[in-house]
Amino acid sequence: MISDDLVVATPRGLYCTAGDFYIDPWQPVERAVITHAHGDHLRGGSSRYYLARPGEGVARIRLPKDAFVASLEYGEQHTFDRVRISLHPAGHILGSSQVRIEHDGCVWVVSGDYKREFDPTCAPFEVLACNVFISEATFALPAYRWSSTPIVAREIFDWWNSNREKGFVSVLFAYALGKAQRILAELATLTNEAVYVHGAVASLVEAYREAGVTMLPTFPATVVSAKNFAGALVLAPPSAAGSPWMRRFGECRTGFCSGWMRVRGNRRRRGYDRGFVLSDHADWPGLLRTIRETHAGRVLLTHGYTDAMCRYLQEQGVAATALRTEYGAEN
């Protein structure tokens, strides 16, 4: 069956038929337009990558050294055949973008992952009017509502100080790209004390510094002996939890930063001492606000609680359907 849609879901990823390019493909393609550098959206093997200039540094860390990367300024237009595209801030992580696609007077916007809260590490989300809006639905349930980020940063800081007073190391788990840097930037408003970081976090922190993002000073967690960690804060990816790498810290307290911590019981099931509700995705009110502000006549939902949001939007008179994708790892 041939579809007249400008963007369709295929086995390789979201495909723009008129422009012959893919958005965040999960298999190698000739032309890949990338919304951001998280592993579920940026994968190796494609011939050419097109992405926003602020995100080039982190993308190159995650791509092969010989990958062809064309970086576009936010708002800069590029033409694929008879289709014009431009990239616009998504507010998700450094360099994250929405893809605006215009063809024959019709505008589609592929949002990628996005959030509406202020984040000192990346450009804020830009509302784009469009005919069709493709939105994520990671936290598309009414239970997911975020507190003010400075409040969460203060909670982390107070937890760190409380553990310090007891002689414990504070090991905070957060996704290596985006979340870790956001924590370092938010804590910089409360202290200037150095933080130790896991190797998976270190190179990405440097890429953020090179992009001009102000964060707390950091040191690799391998440069000091275990006895010197007492009272320190350590940032590590979730994959480090329970690994031999953790033995160097001796007795410690663990925390996890994620939107999933909003649901009671998630912290306990995952075995962390403390959970902090901090997400780089839009919460339920943020999703509804964004969809409303685009004035889109049609909404397509990807990765997350797509069925629940589809039902809600349809009840509100919005033409909403789900697109099945392979996105949705880092929250």
Protein backbone atom coordinates (compact mmCIF):
# COMPACT_ATOMS: atom_id res chain seq x y z
CA MET A 1 0.00 0.00 0.00
CA ILE A 2 1.45 3.39 -1.03
CA SER A 3 1.08 6.17 1.52
CA ASP A 4 0.73 9.86 0.72
CA ASP A 5 2.28 10.77 4.08
CA LEU A 6 5.40 12.89 3.98
CA VAL A 7 7.00 10.80 6.75
CA VAL A 8 6.33 7.08 7.17
CA ALA A 9 7.56 4.35 9.50
CA THR A 10 9.73 1.75 7.76
CA PRO A 11 11.90 -1.17 8.96
CA ARG A 12 14.91 1.20 8.82
CA GLY A 13 13.24 4.09 10.64
CA LEU A 14 11.17 7.19 9.94
CA TYR A 15 11.49 7.95 6.24
CA CYS A 16 10.70 11.13 4.30
CA THR A 17 9.47 9.80 0.98
CA ALA A 18 9.66 13.04 -1.03
CA GLY A 19 13.14 13.94 0.27
CA ASP A 20 14.62 10.43 0.32
CA PHE A 21 16.13 10.71 3.81
CA TYR A 22 15.60 9.10 7.20
CA ILE A 23 15.19 10.68 10.63
CA ASP A 24 17.11 8.87 13.41
CA PRO A 25 17.29 5.58 11.48
CA TRP A 26 17.99 2.41 13.43
CA GLN A 27 19.63 0.73 10.42
CA PRO A 28 22.33 2.12 8.08
CA VAL A 29 20.98 4.42 5.34
CA GLU A 30 22.38 6.82 2.75
CA ARG A 31 21.13 10.07 4.36
CA ALA A 32 20.36 10.28 8.08
CA VAL A 33 18.96 13.43 9.71
CA ILE A 34 19.66 13.14 13.44
CA THR A 35 17.66 14.77 16.23
CA HIS A 36 20.24 14.10 18.96
CA ALA A 37 23.12 11.87 20.00
CA HIS A 38 21.49 9.40 22.39
CA GLY A 39 22.16 5.83 21.34
CA ASP A 40 18.57 5.02 20.44
CA HIS A 41 18.53 7.92 17.93
CA LEU A 42 22.11 8.02 16.63
CA ARG A 43 23.51 4.77 15.27
CA GLY A 44 26.60 4.10 13.22
CA GLY A 45 26.84 2.80 9.67
CA SER A 46 25.01 5.45 7.64
CA SER A 47 26.78 7.20 4.75
CA ARG A 48 25.93 10.79 5.69
CA TYR A 49 24.70 12.40 8.90
CA TYR A 50 22.98 15.78 9.14
CA LEU A 51 22.56 17.32 12.59
CA ALA A 52 22.54 20.61 14.51
CA ARG A 53 25.94 22.25 14.95
CA PRO A 54 25.74 22.51 18.80
CA GLY A 55 25.44 18.71 18.95
CA GLU A 56 28.31 17.91 16.60
CA GLY A 57 30.89 17.45 19.36
CA VAL A 58 28.94 14.83 21.30
CA ALA A 59 27.81 13.12 18.08
CA ARG A 60 31.39 12.68 16.90
CA ILE A 61 32.27 11.00 20.20
CA ARG A 62 29.61 8.39 19.49
CA LEU A 63 30.25 7.93 15.75
CA PRO A 64 33.17 6.28 13.93
CA LYS A 65 36.06 8.69 13.31
CA ASP A 66 35.55 8.55 9.52
CA ALA A 67 31.80 9.27 9.61
CA PHE A 68 30.61 12.07 7.29
CA VAL A 69 28.87 14.69 9.43
CA ALA A 70 27.23 17.84 8.05
CA SER A 71 26.27 20.28 10.80
CA LEU A 72 23.53 22.88 10.33
CA GLU A 73 22.89 25.97 12.40
CA TYR A 74 19.50 26.08 14.10
CA GLY A 75 16.99 27.47 11.60
CA GLU A 76 19.30 27.02 8.59
CA GLN A 77 17.48 25.56 5.60
CA HIS A 78 18.74 22.57 3.65
CA THR A 79 17.15 20.99 0.57
CA PHE A 80 16.74 17.31 -0.18
CA ASP A 81 15.31 17.02 -3.68
CA ARG A 82 12.07 19.07 -3.50
CA VAL A 83 11.90 19.07 0.30
CA ARG A 84 13.19 21.84 2.59
CA ILE A 85 14.28 20.96 6.09
CA SER A 86 15.55 22.97 9.04
CA LEU A 87 16.59 21.99 12.56
CA HIS A 88 15.19 23.75 15.63
CA PRO A 89 15.94 23.40 19.38
CA ALA A 90 14.20 20.57 21.21
CA GLY A 91 15.47 21.37 24.73
CA HIS A 92 16.34 17.71 25.36
CA ILE A 93 20.17 17.69 25.52
CA LEU A 94 22.99 19.70 23.94
CA GLY A 95 22.33 19.98 20.20
CA SER A 96 18.97 18.23 20.30
CA SER A 97 16.68 19.20 17.44
CA GLN A 98 13.26 19.06 15.97
CA VAL A 99 13.19 18.45 12.23
CA ARG A 100 10.90 20.82 10.32
CA ILE A 101 10.02 19.39 6.90
CA GLU A 102 8.24 21.46 4.25
CA HIS A 103 6.95 20.11 0.96
CA ASP A 104 4.25 21.47 -1.39
CA GLY A 105 2.98 23.89 1.25
CA CYS A 106 2.61 21.23 3.95
CA VAL A 107 4.74 21.29 7.13
CA TRP A 108 5.62 18.28 9.25
CA VAL A 109 7.65 18.49 12.45
CA VAL A 110 9.47 15.49 13.89
CA SER A 111 10.20 16.51 17.48
CA GLY A 112 12.61 13.75 18.49
CA ASP A 113 12.85 13.82 22.30
CA TYR A 114 12.09 17.13 24.00
CA LYS A 115 11.30 18.91 27.24
CA ARG A 116 9.85 22.30 28.16
CA GLU A 117 11.71 23.00 31.44
CA PHE A 118 14.69 25.38 31.43
CA ASP A 119 18.03 23.60 31.08
CA PRO A 120 21.31 25.59 31.28
CA THR A 121 23.10 23.01 29.11
CA CYS A 122 21.07 23.37 25.90
CA ALA A 123 18.92 25.74 23.84
CA PRO A 124 15.26 25.91 24.94
CA PHE A 125 12.48 24.20 23.01
CA GLU A 126 11.14 26.21 20.08
CA VAL A 127 7.44 25.90 19.27
CA LEU A 128 6.89 25.26 15.54
CA ALA A 129 3.49 25.62 13.89
CA CYS A 130 2.81 22.66 11.61
CA ASN A 131 0.19 20.56 9.91
CA VAL A 132 1.45 17.26 11.35
CA PHE A 133 3.40 16.91 14.60
CA ILE A 134 5.33 13.74 15.46
CA SER A 135 5.76 13.72 19.23
CA GLU A 136 7.38 11.40 21.73
CA ALA A 137 5.17 9.97 24.49
CA THR A 138 7.75 8.66 26.97
CA PHE A 139 5.96 10.00 30.04
CA ALA A 140 2.49 10.41 28.57
CA LEU A 141 0.48 9.62 31.70
CA PRO A 142 -1.05 12.15 34.13
CA ALA A 143 1.08 10.78 36.97
CA TYR A 144 4.22 12.21 35.41
CA ARG A 145 4.55 15.87 36.44
CA TRP A 146 7.95 17.40 37.12
CA SER A 147 8.94 19.62 40.01
CA SER A 148 11.05 22.73 39.42
CA THR A 149 14.60 21.70 38.52
CA PRO A 150 16.25 24.04 41.11
CA ILE A 151 14.20 22.25 43.79
CA VAL A 152 15.54 18.87 42.64
CA ALA A 153 19.09 20.25 42.50
CA ARG A 154 18.74 21.41 46.11
CA GLU A 155 17.49 17.94 47.09
CA ILE A 156 20.59 16.38 45.52
CA PHE A 157 22.89 18.89 47.21
CA ASP A 158 21.30 18.33 50.63
CA TRP A 159 21.51 14.53 50.20
CA TRP A 160 25.19 14.84 49.31
CA ASN A 161 25.88 16.99 52.38
CA SER A 162 23.94 14.65 54.65
CA ASN A 163 25.98 11.68 53.44
CA ARG A 164 29.19 13.68 53.82
CA GLU A 165 28.40 14.40 57.48
CA LYS A 166 28.10 10.63 58.04
CA GLY A 167 31.33 9.88 56.16
CA PHE A 168 29.67 8.23 53.17
CA VAL A 169 30.46 8.58 49.49
CA SER A 170 27.44 9.72 47.44
CA VAL A 171 27.22 7.83 44.14
CA LEU A 172 24.59 9.35 41.89
CA PHE A 173 23.56 7.39 38.81
CA ALA A 174 22.42 9.38 35.78
CA TYR A 175 22.54 8.90 32.03
CA ALA A 176 26.00 9.75 30.74
CA LEU A 177 24.86 12.13 28.00
CA GLY A 178 22.59 15.02 28.94
CA LYS A 179 21.49 14.15 32.46
CA ALA A 180 24.95 14.05 34.04
CA GLN A 181 25.92 17.40 32.52
CA ARG A 182 22.62 18.97 33.53
CA ILE A 183 23.20 17.89 37.14
CA LEU A 184 26.70 19.39 37.10
CA ALA A 185 25.35 22.66 35.68
CA GLU A 186 22.48 22.91 38.16
CA LEU A 187 24.71 22.12 41.15
CA ALA A 188 27.09 24.88 40.02
CA THR A 189 24.53 27.38 41.33
CA LEU A 190 24.90 25.87 44.84
CA THR A 191 28.61 25.02 45.16
CA ASN A 192 31.96 25.08 43.39
CA GLU A 193 33.15 21.75 44.77
CA ALA A 194 34.59 19.21 42.33
CA VAL A 195 32.71 16.02 41.46
CA TYR A 196 34.22 12.68 40.46
CA VAL A 197 32.91 11.10 37.26
CA HIS A 198 32.89 7.68 35.66
CA GLY A 199 34.86 7.30 32.43
CA ALA A 200 31.67 7.04 30.38
CA VAL A 201 30.71 10.51 31.63
CA ALA A 202 34.11 12.22 31.46
CA SER A 203 34.55 12.66 27.68
CA LEU A 204 30.98 13.88 27.27
CA VAL A 205 31.47 16.45 30.04
CA GLU A 206 34.51 17.78 28.15
CA ALA A 207 32.45 18.05 24.94
CA TYR A 208 29.92 20.15 26.85
CA ARG A 209 32.69 22.36 28.22
CA GLU A 210 34.02 22.87 24.70
CA ALA A 211 30.52 23.97 23.70
CA GLY A 212 30.64 26.66 26.40
CA VAL A 213 28.47 25.02 29.07
CA THR A 214 29.37 26.01 32.66
CA MET A 215 29.48 23.08 35.10
CA LEU A 216 31.17 22.06 38.34
CA PRO A 217 34.81 21.02 38.03
CA THR A 218 35.23 17.26 37.59
CA PHE A 219 37.91 14.62 38.05
CA PRO A 220 38.00 11.04 36.76
CA ALA A 221 36.95 8.63 39.52
CA THR A 222 40.14 6.63 38.87
CA VAL A 223 42.66 9.30 39.87
CA VAL A 224 42.47 9.02 43.66
CA SER A 225 42.63 6.19 46.18
CA ALA A 226 39.49 4.89 47.80
CA LYS A 227 40.20 6.59 51.15
CA ASN A 228 39.99 10.03 49.50
CA PHE A 229 36.43 9.58 48.27
CA ALA A 230 34.85 10.03 51.71
CA GLY A 231 32.20 12.74 51.50
CA ALA A 232 32.56 13.10 47.74
CA LEU A 233 29.88 13.07 45.06
CA VAL A 234 30.44 10.62 42.20
CA LEU A 235 28.46 10.64 38.93
CA ALA A 236 28.13 7.36 37.06
CA PRO A 237 25.88 5.79 34.40
CA PRO A 238 23.21 3.30 35.58
CA SER A 239 25.21 0.45 34.02
CA ALA A 240 27.86 0.92 36.73
CA ALA A 241 25.45 0.02 39.53
CA GLY A 242 26.37 -3.31 41.08
CA SER A 243 29.54 -3.60 38.98
CA PRO A 244 33.08 -4.25 40.27
CA TRP A 245 33.80 -0.55 39.57
CA MET A 246 31.74 0.32 42.64
CA ARG A 247 34.07 -1.49 45.06
CA ARG A 248 36.55 1.41 45.13
CA PHE A 249 34.10 3.58 47.09
CA GLY A 250 33.68 1.32 50.09
CA GLU A 251 30.60 2.21 52.10
CA CYS A 252 28.48 4.57 50.03
CA ARG A 253 24.96 5.78 49.47
CA THR A 254 23.40 5.55 46.01
CA GLY A 255 20.87 7.72 44.19
CA PHE A 256 19.28 7.69 40.76
CA CYS A 257 18.06 10.65 38.68
CA SER A 258 15.21 9.82 36.32
CA GLY A 259 11.63 10.66 35.53
CA TRP A 260 10.79 7.07 36.45
CA MET A 261 11.45 7.98 40.08
CA ARG A 262 8.10 9.78 40.10
CA VAL A 263 6.31 6.43 40.49
CA ARG A 264 6.39 5.07 44.03
CA GLY A 265 8.25 1.79 44.22
CA ASN A 266 10.63 2.26 41.29
CA ARG A 267 13.50 3.34 43.54
CA ARG A 268 12.96 0.36 45.85
CA ARG A 269 12.73 -2.14 42.99
CA ARG A 270 15.95 -0.81 41.44
CA GLY A 271 17.83 -0.97 44.73
CA TYR A 272 18.82 2.71 45.14
CA ASP A 273 18.91 4.48 48.49
CA ARG A 274 17.38 7.64 47.05
CA GLY A 275 15.51 8.61 43.90
CA PHE A 276 15.46 12.09 42.35
CA VAL A 277 12.77 13.00 39.83
CA LEU A 278 14.66 14.66 37.00
CA SER A 279 13.91 13.94 33.36
CA ASP A 280 15.05 15.31 30.02
CA HIS A 281 11.64 14.49 28.53
CA ALA A 282 8.40 16.45 28.64
CA ASP A 283 5.98 15.53 31.40
CA TRP A 284 2.23 15.08 30.86
CA PRO A 285 1.37 18.80 31.04
CA GLY A 286 4.38 19.62 28.84
CA LEU A 287 3.30 17.16 26.16
CA LEU A 288 -0.26 18.49 26.07
CA ARG A 289 0.93 22.11 26.05
CA THR A 290 3.30 21.45 23.17
CA ILE A 291 0.77 19.61 21.05
CA ARG A 292 -1.71 22.43 21.60
CA GLU A 293 0.80 25.17 20.74
CA THR A 294 1.82 23.58 17.42
CA HIS A 295 -1.79 23.90 16.17
CA ALA A 296 -1.23 20.62 14.33
CA GLY A 297 -4.31 19.10 12.76
CA ARG A 298 -2.81 15.66 13.13
CA VAL A 299 -0.52 14.15 15.78
CA LEU A 300 1.58 10.99 15.50
CA LEU A 301 3.03 9.56 18.71
CA THR A 302 6.22 7.55 19.16
CA HIS A 303 7.89 5.55 21.98
CA GLY A 304 6.26 5.54 25.36
CA TYR A 305 2.65 5.54 26.48
CA THR A 306 1.42 6.12 22.93
CA ASP A 307 -1.87 4.23 23.28
CA ALA A 308 -2.92 6.09 26.42
CA MET A 309 -2.12 9.48 24.93
CA CYS A 310 -3.82 8.61 21.65
CA ARG A 311 -7.03 7.78 23.49
CA TYR A 312 -6.86 11.01 25.50
CA LEU A 313 -6.19 13.21 22.45
CA GLN A 314 -8.91 11.51 20.44
CA GLU A 315 -11.36 12.21 23.25
CA GLN A 316 -10.32 15.87 22.95
CA GLY A 317 -11.06 15.84 19.22
CA VAL A 318 -7.42 15.58 18.06
CA ALA A 319 -6.60 13.23 15.19
CA ALA A 320 -3.92 11.14 16.92
CA THR A 321 -2.37 7.81 16.04
CA ALA A 322 0.72 5.86 17.15
CA LEU A 323 3.89 5.13 15.18
CA ARG A 324 5.86 2.06 16.22
CA THR A 325 9.56 2.83 16.62
CA GLU A 326 12.67 1.49 18.33
CA TYR A 327 13.34 4.70 20.32
CA GLY A 328 13.22 5.21 24.04
CA ALA A 329 16.28 4.23 26.12
CA GLU A 330 17.58 7.24 28.05
CA ASN A 331 15.21 9.19 30.31
